[in-house]
Amino acid sequence: MESESHDSPSIPNTSLAPTIKDASQLLEQHADVRDSVQQRGPSRGFAWFQLWAGLMTPIYIAVFLFAFSADAGTAGENNPGNFSQTSLLIVPILAFSALATGARERFGIRTALPRLIWIPLGVALLGMFVLSGLSVFDVLYPSWLIVLVALTVLIPLVAPAIVQLVRAPTPQNHAPTAYARLSRAVQITTAIMGAVAGLLVASGTNVIVSMLVMLAALAGIMLAFVLNESPWTLPRAGYEWGWIQWTAFALATSTLFLFAALNPLSVSVSPAVSVMSGIAVFAIMLVAAALPAPAIEEPVDATPLATEPAEVPAPAPDAS
């Protein structure tokens, strides 16, 4: 009588089954994914960005109202310097709005302003409109109204960012941050931004140069909103920028705002100082374009905890 051992089902190959070590690694990966998802909320980097964005708006409102206030003697006048002031203020705020779009995409967070913030923001915009109208008709008003309008929007925007910065979870791992060079397109875009900012500063009260530079900058910004998928746009630059590039942009914007406020203060800036300041702004942005930024973290693929059972080989055919 032949043995029927070869007809019995084969024993599953235990080498294909997950071991205790594999299961432990899967659990660790699951914990990393869970922690990553939990920290998808407001991170510290996003909180710092929100703080910077919250400071940008009230500072712009204050500088704008001061630069064109009737008390400063610039409103309602046919002064060639007013046009250069306009270019110094409009270009950076529009560029920032485009850069901020890409920065929010980097953090993977899309936030909407709470309804309670829309009320003071609307009041501040209404106050800005009224004071601008008074300046156009050369109606003097107290300077403290400019401060009041700026504070009306400063507190609602900055206070939540500070609270978010305090409550944001700190990274559990203290591994050094990985840095990577900006893409070639973003490097060139950053350098071009520095060149535009430098030309705006260096042109001073030259109406022709300021007009040409501002028109070229506005055309580039509008093109950035149209070609939002292109790597040569401002949103892409904001997506790749790190704290070094944002610091350089803050220095360039501060210089533009400073020069916009010098004319109302009756401070005469020599052409040599304007040119040197423009070169300095361009050099800062050029260095920032060459320096690396924190590497963009790719989303972690979740690994399922349950593994498929090991495939059981089919019984060997009966040779009898």
Foldseek 3Di string as FASTA:
>chain_A
DDDCPLVDFDDFDCVPPDDPVNLVVLVVLQVVQVVVVVLLPQALQNLVVLLVVLLVVLVLLLLVLLLLALVLVRAQDPALQVLLLVLLRPLLVLLVVLLVLLLCVLSVDDDDQDPVLVVLVVVLVVLSVVRNVCSNVSHHDDSVSSVVSSVSSNCSRNVVSVVSNVPHDDDPDPDDFDWDADDPLLLVLLLVVLLLLLQSQLCRSVNVSSVVSSVVSVVLSVVCVVPVVDCNHSSVNSNQAAPLLVVLSVVSSVSSSVSSNCVSVVHDDDSVRSNVVSVVSSVSSNVSSGDIHGDRDDNDDNDDSDDDDRDRDGRDDDPD
